[in-house]
N, C-alpha and C. Protein backbone atom coordinates (compact mmCIF):
# COMPACT_ATOMS: atom_id res chain seq x y z
N MET A 1 25.53 12.28 1.11
CA MET A 1 24.56 13.18 0.29
C MET A 1 23.49 12.23 -0.09
N ILE A 2 22.21 12.75 0.15
CA ILE A 2 21.00 12.05 -0.29
C ILE A 2 20.73 12.39 -1.73
N PRO A 3 20.40 11.28 -2.65
CA PRO A 3 20.23 11.45 -3.93
C PRO A 3 18.94 12.08 -4.16
N VAL A 4 18.77 12.87 -5.28
CA VAL A 4 17.40 13.69 -5.52
C VAL A 4 17.01 13.18 -6.85
N VAL A 5 15.75 13.20 -7.21
CA VAL A 5 15.23 13.14 -8.52
C VAL A 5 15.70 14.08 -9.52
N ALA A 6 16.03 13.55 -10.68
CA ALA A 6 16.75 14.41 -11.90
C ALA A 6 15.85 15.54 -12.09
N GLY A 7 16.33 16.71 -12.27
CA GLY A 7 15.67 17.96 -12.42
C GLY A 7 15.06 18.53 -11.33
N SER A 8 15.54 18.13 -10.13
CA SER A 8 14.95 18.71 -9.05
C SER A 8 16.02 18.82 -8.02
N ARG A 9 16.04 20.07 -7.38
CA ARG A 9 17.27 20.34 -6.45
C ARG A 9 16.70 20.14 -4.92
N ALA A 10 15.48 19.87 -4.84
CA ALA A 10 14.84 19.82 -3.40
C ALA A 10 14.96 18.29 -3.06
N LEU A 11 15.04 17.92 -1.71
CA LEU A 11 15.09 16.77 -1.20
C LEU A 11 13.74 16.10 -1.27
N PRO A 12 13.66 14.92 -1.29
CA PRO A 12 12.26 14.21 -1.38
C PRO A 12 11.68 14.44 -0.12
N MET A 13 10.31 14.55 -0.25
CA MET A 13 9.49 15.02 0.99
C MET A 13 9.59 13.87 2.12
N ILE A 14 9.45 12.61 1.75
CA ILE A 14 9.44 11.63 2.59
C ILE A 14 10.30 10.48 2.09
N PRO A 15 11.21 10.01 2.80
CA PRO A 15 12.09 8.94 2.26
C PRO A 15 11.32 7.78 1.88
N PRO A 16 11.73 6.85 0.84
CA PRO A 16 11.00 5.76 0.51
C PRO A 16 10.81 4.73 1.65
N THR A 17 11.64 4.61 2.57
CA THR A 17 11.45 3.72 3.78
C THR A 17 10.42 4.24 4.53
N GLY A 18 10.21 5.51 4.87
CA GLY A 18 9.05 6.06 5.47
C GLY A 18 7.87 5.86 4.73
N MET A 19 7.79 6.02 3.54
CA MET A 19 6.55 5.87 2.72
C MET A 19 6.13 4.55 2.71
N ALA A 20 6.94 3.46 2.81
CA ALA A 20 6.58 2.10 2.90
C ALA A 20 6.11 1.65 4.13
N ILE A 21 6.74 2.34 5.24
CA ILE A 21 6.20 1.94 6.58
C ILE A 21 4.96 2.57 6.97
N ALA A 22 4.79 3.84 6.42
CA ALA A 22 3.37 4.41 6.49
C ALA A 22 2.39 3.66 5.79
N ALA A 23 2.57 3.19 4.55
CA ALA A 23 1.65 2.44 3.63
C ALA A 23 1.26 1.16 4.47
N LEU A 24 2.26 0.43 4.99
CA LEU A 24 2.22 -0.78 5.58
C LEU A 24 1.26 -0.69 6.83
N THR A 25 1.66 0.25 7.59
CA THR A 25 0.82 0.61 8.85
C THR A 25 -0.80 0.85 8.60
N VAL A 26 -1.08 1.65 7.57
CA VAL A 26 -2.42 1.94 7.20
C VAL A 26 -3.11 0.74 6.68
N MET A 27 -2.35 -0.13 5.82
CA MET A 27 -2.91 -1.34 5.25
C MET A 27 -3.19 -2.39 6.33
N LEU A 28 -2.35 -2.49 7.27
CA LEU A 28 -2.48 -3.49 8.35
C LEU A 28 -3.63 -3.04 9.21
N TRP A 29 -3.67 -1.82 9.57
CA TRP A 29 -4.75 -1.25 10.27
C TRP A 29 -6.01 -1.56 9.70
N LEU A 30 -6.22 -1.26 8.49
CA LEU A 30 -7.39 -1.38 7.73
C LEU A 30 -7.97 -2.89 7.61
N ILE A 31 -6.99 -3.68 7.58
CA ILE A 31 -7.35 -5.27 7.66
C ILE A 31 -7.69 -5.67 9.15
N TRP A 32 -6.98 -5.19 10.03
CA TRP A 32 -7.12 -5.43 11.41
C TRP A 32 -8.59 -4.93 11.90
N SER A 33 -8.85 -3.66 11.53
CA SER A 33 -10.11 -3.05 11.99
C SER A 33 -11.40 -3.66 11.33
N ASP A 34 -11.03 -4.32 10.15
CA ASP A 34 -12.39 -4.85 9.39
C ASP A 34 -12.60 -6.36 10.22
N THR A 35 -11.51 -6.89 10.73
CA THR A 35 -11.56 -8.34 11.22
C THR A 35 -12.18 -8.28 12.69
N VAL A 36 -12.08 -6.99 13.38
CA VAL A 36 -12.60 -7.04 14.72
C VAL A 36 -13.97 -6.36 14.71
N ARG A 37 -14.42 -5.75 13.42
CA ARG A 37 -15.65 -5.16 13.55
C ARG A 37 -16.93 -6.22 13.55
N ALA A 38 -17.83 -5.86 14.21
CA ALA A 38 -18.94 -6.87 14.31
C ALA A 38 -19.88 -6.74 13.19
N SER A 39 -20.15 -5.40 12.88
CA SER A 39 -21.00 -5.09 11.64
C SER A 39 -20.24 -5.15 10.32
N ARG A 40 -20.99 -5.37 9.32
CA ARG A 40 -20.29 -5.39 7.98
C ARG A 40 -20.37 -3.94 7.38
N SER A 41 -19.21 -3.67 6.70
CA SER A 41 -19.25 -2.31 5.87
C SER A 41 -20.05 -2.26 4.71
N PRO A 42 -20.35 -1.14 4.16
CA PRO A 42 -21.05 -1.13 2.82
C PRO A 42 -20.13 -1.71 1.77
N ALA A 43 -20.76 -2.17 0.65
CA ALA A 43 -20.01 -2.78 -0.45
C ALA A 43 -19.13 -1.72 -0.97
N VAL A 44 -19.54 -0.49 -1.26
CA VAL A 44 -18.76 0.48 -1.67
C VAL A 44 -17.42 0.58 -0.93
N LEU A 45 -17.61 0.52 0.11
CA LEU A 45 -16.21 0.72 1.11
C LEU A 45 -15.21 -0.37 0.65
N TYR A 46 -15.89 -1.65 0.59
CA TYR A 46 -14.90 -2.76 0.25
C TYR A 46 -14.18 -2.62 -1.09
N ALA A 47 -15.08 -2.02 -2.13
CA ALA A 47 -14.36 -1.73 -3.39
C ALA A 47 -13.39 -0.62 -3.32
N VAL A 48 -13.60 0.38 -2.67
CA VAL A 48 -12.70 1.36 -2.37
C VAL A 48 -11.40 0.98 -1.62
N ARG A 49 -11.46 -0.06 -0.74
CA ARG A 49 -10.34 -0.59 -0.20
C ARG A 49 -9.49 -1.33 -1.09
N VAL A 50 -10.25 -2.20 -1.79
CA VAL A 50 -9.36 -2.97 -3.02
C VAL A 50 -8.64 -2.05 -3.77
N ALA A 51 -9.33 -1.03 -4.46
CA ALA A 51 -8.66 0.06 -5.15
C ALA A 51 -7.33 0.63 -4.46
N LEU A 52 -7.69 0.99 -3.21
CA LEU A 52 -6.50 1.69 -2.45
C LEU A 52 -5.46 0.71 -2.20
N PHE A 53 -5.64 -0.59 -1.86
CA PHE A 53 -4.44 -1.44 -1.83
C PHE A 53 -3.81 -1.73 -3.06
N VAL A 54 -4.41 -1.86 -4.13
CA VAL A 54 -3.64 -1.97 -5.42
C VAL A 54 -3.02 -0.75 -5.85
N ILE A 55 -3.61 0.37 -5.72
CA ILE A 55 -2.93 1.73 -6.14
C ILE A 55 -1.75 1.93 -5.30
N VAL A 56 -1.84 1.78 -4.02
CA VAL A 56 -0.68 2.03 -3.16
C VAL A 56 0.49 1.31 -3.23
N ALA A 57 0.19 -0.06 -3.47
CA ALA A 57 1.23 -1.15 -3.71
C ALA A 57 1.86 -0.87 -5.14
N GLY A 58 1.07 -0.55 -6.12
CA GLY A 58 1.46 -0.21 -7.40
C GLY A 58 2.39 1.07 -7.47
N ILE A 59 1.99 2.04 -6.81
CA ILE A 59 2.89 3.23 -6.84
C ILE A 59 4.31 3.00 -6.22
N LEU A 60 4.20 2.35 -5.05
CA LEU A 60 5.38 1.95 -4.57
C LEU A 60 6.45 1.17 -5.40
N VAL A 61 5.77 0.21 -6.10
CA VAL A 61 6.73 -0.69 -6.96
C VAL A 61 7.10 0.17 -8.06
N LEU A 62 6.17 0.99 -8.73
CA LEU A 62 6.61 1.82 -9.84
C LEU A 62 7.72 2.86 -9.30
N ASN A 63 7.72 3.41 -8.24
CA ASN A 63 8.65 4.35 -7.82
C ASN A 63 9.94 3.61 -7.60
N ARG A 64 9.89 2.43 -7.13
CA ARG A 64 11.11 1.54 -7.00
C ARG A 64 11.75 1.32 -8.38
N VAL A 65 10.86 1.02 -9.26
CA VAL A 65 11.54 0.70 -10.68
C VAL A 65 11.95 2.03 -11.40
N ARG A 66 11.37 3.17 -11.25
CA ARG A 66 11.64 4.47 -11.83
C ARG A 66 12.82 5.17 -11.16
N TYR A 67 13.00 5.06 -9.78
CA TYR A 67 13.97 5.89 -9.16
C TYR A 67 14.71 4.72 -8.17
N PRO A 68 15.52 3.82 -8.69
CA PRO A 68 16.13 2.80 -7.92
C PRO A 68 17.24 3.52 -7.00
N PHE A 69 17.78 4.54 -7.39
CA PHE A 69 18.87 5.20 -6.62
C PHE A 69 18.27 5.77 -5.37
N LEU A 70 17.13 5.96 -5.31
CA LEU A 70 16.41 6.49 -3.91
C LEU A 70 16.31 5.40 -2.85
N PHE A 71 16.29 4.11 -3.36
CA PHE A 71 16.02 2.99 -2.44
C PHE A 71 17.09 2.18 -1.95
N SER A 72 17.25 2.02 -0.63
CA SER A 72 18.18 1.30 -0.07
C SER A 72 17.80 -0.22 -0.14
N ALA A 73 18.57 -1.08 0.58
CA ALA A 73 18.21 -2.37 0.46
C ALA A 73 17.06 -2.54 1.36
N THR A 74 17.03 -1.89 2.56
CA THR A 74 15.87 -1.96 3.45
C THR A 74 14.64 -1.49 2.80
N ALA A 75 14.79 -0.41 2.13
CA ALA A 75 13.60 0.16 1.40
C ALA A 75 12.95 -0.77 0.35
N THR A 76 13.90 -1.30 -0.27
CA THR A 76 13.45 -2.44 -1.30
C THR A 76 12.72 -3.60 -0.62
N VAL A 77 13.28 -3.98 0.47
CA VAL A 77 12.61 -5.13 1.16
C VAL A 77 11.17 -4.63 1.55
N LEU A 78 11.08 -3.43 2.26
CA LEU A 78 9.89 -2.87 2.59
C LEU A 78 8.82 -2.79 1.46
N VAL A 79 9.30 -2.36 0.36
CA VAL A 79 8.50 -2.17 -0.91
C VAL A 79 7.92 -3.63 -1.28
N VAL A 80 8.77 -4.67 -1.24
CA VAL A 80 8.18 -5.96 -1.53
C VAL A 80 7.08 -6.54 -0.39
N VAL A 81 7.28 -6.18 0.89
CA VAL A 81 6.47 -6.52 1.93
C VAL A 81 5.16 -5.65 1.69
N VAL A 82 5.27 -4.42 1.42
CA VAL A 82 4.05 -3.68 1.03
C VAL A 82 3.35 -4.24 -0.11
N ALA A 83 4.08 -4.68 -1.14
CA ALA A 83 3.33 -5.07 -2.27
C ALA A 83 2.63 -6.49 -1.92
N LEU A 84 3.41 -7.34 -1.09
CA LEU A 84 2.59 -8.51 -0.76
C LEU A 84 1.39 -8.30 0.12
N VAL A 85 1.49 -7.48 1.04
CA VAL A 85 0.38 -7.08 1.95
C VAL A 85 -0.59 -6.42 1.05
N GLY A 86 -0.28 -5.64 0.10
CA GLY A 86 -1.28 -4.85 -0.77
C GLY A 86 -2.03 -5.96 -1.46
N ALA A 87 -1.43 -6.91 -2.18
CA ALA A 87 -2.07 -7.96 -2.86
C ALA A 87 -2.96 -8.81 -1.96
N GLY A 88 -2.38 -9.25 -0.71
CA GLY A 88 -3.32 -9.87 0.12
C GLY A 88 -4.42 -9.29 0.53
N GLY A 89 -4.16 -8.08 0.92
CA GLY A 89 -5.44 -7.04 1.30
C GLY A 89 -6.55 -6.98 0.33
N ALA A 90 -5.98 -6.82 -0.88
CA ALA A 90 -7.00 -6.64 -2.05
C ALA A 90 -7.78 -7.87 -2.24
N VAL A 91 -6.97 -8.90 -2.18
CA VAL A 91 -7.97 -10.25 -2.31
C VAL A 91 -8.89 -10.49 -1.10
N TYR A 92 -8.30 -10.09 0.04
CA TYR A 92 -9.15 -10.16 1.34
C TYR A 92 -10.47 -9.31 1.16
N PHE A 93 -10.28 -8.02 0.69
CA PHE A 93 -11.39 -7.30 0.83
C PHE A 93 -12.34 -7.57 -0.58
N ALA A 94 -11.65 -8.05 -1.58
CA ALA A 94 -12.46 -8.54 -2.83
C ALA A 94 -13.36 -9.79 -2.40
N ARG A 95 -12.71 -10.65 -1.62
CA ARG A 95 -13.55 -11.83 -1.14
C ARG A 95 -14.69 -11.32 -0.34
N ARG A 96 -14.46 -10.49 0.50
CA ARG A 96 -15.64 -9.89 1.35
C ARG A 96 -16.70 -9.13 0.58
N LEU A 97 -16.11 -8.40 -0.46
CA LEU A 97 -17.08 -7.71 -1.35
C LEU A 97 -18.03 -8.70 -2.07
N VAL A 98 -17.41 -9.87 -2.69
CA VAL A 98 -18.13 -10.93 -3.26
C VAL A 98 -19.07 -11.57 -2.32
N LYS A 99 -18.53 -11.82 -1.23
CA LYS A 99 -19.48 -12.38 -0.14
C LYS A 99 -20.68 -11.54 0.18
N ARG A 100 -20.37 -10.23 0.27
CA ARG A 100 -21.46 -9.45 0.67
C ARG A 100 -22.54 -9.28 -0.38
N ALA A 101 -21.98 -9.06 -1.75
CA ALA A 101 -22.85 -8.98 -2.76
C ALA A 101 -23.73 -10.31 -3.10
N SER A 102 -23.18 -11.41 -2.57
CA SER A 102 -24.10 -12.77 -2.92
C SER A 102 -25.01 -12.98 -1.76
N ASN A 103 -25.03 -12.23 -0.67
CA ASN A 103 -25.93 -12.34 0.31
C ASN A 103 -27.21 -11.31 0.01
């Protein structure tokens, strides 16, 4: 039986493992697409990406802390990986933002 969030009889929409894999896929795709792009993106886009990486990683960590019974060992490892990629991606795009602003 799959555990559910207290006060709800419905199953979770997407399992934590699926959410972590989806977030990791999008984060890595954003980093990859920025590295192969010849032209620079607007500064506001870099700021949005920094916020996106921090928020998504934070939400996954917060869910892991609030609902530990929903996370298997694999899901927990994926959340840690997403948090590390999120922090690294935020730093990467913040450096690009600062570099763009200084030019």
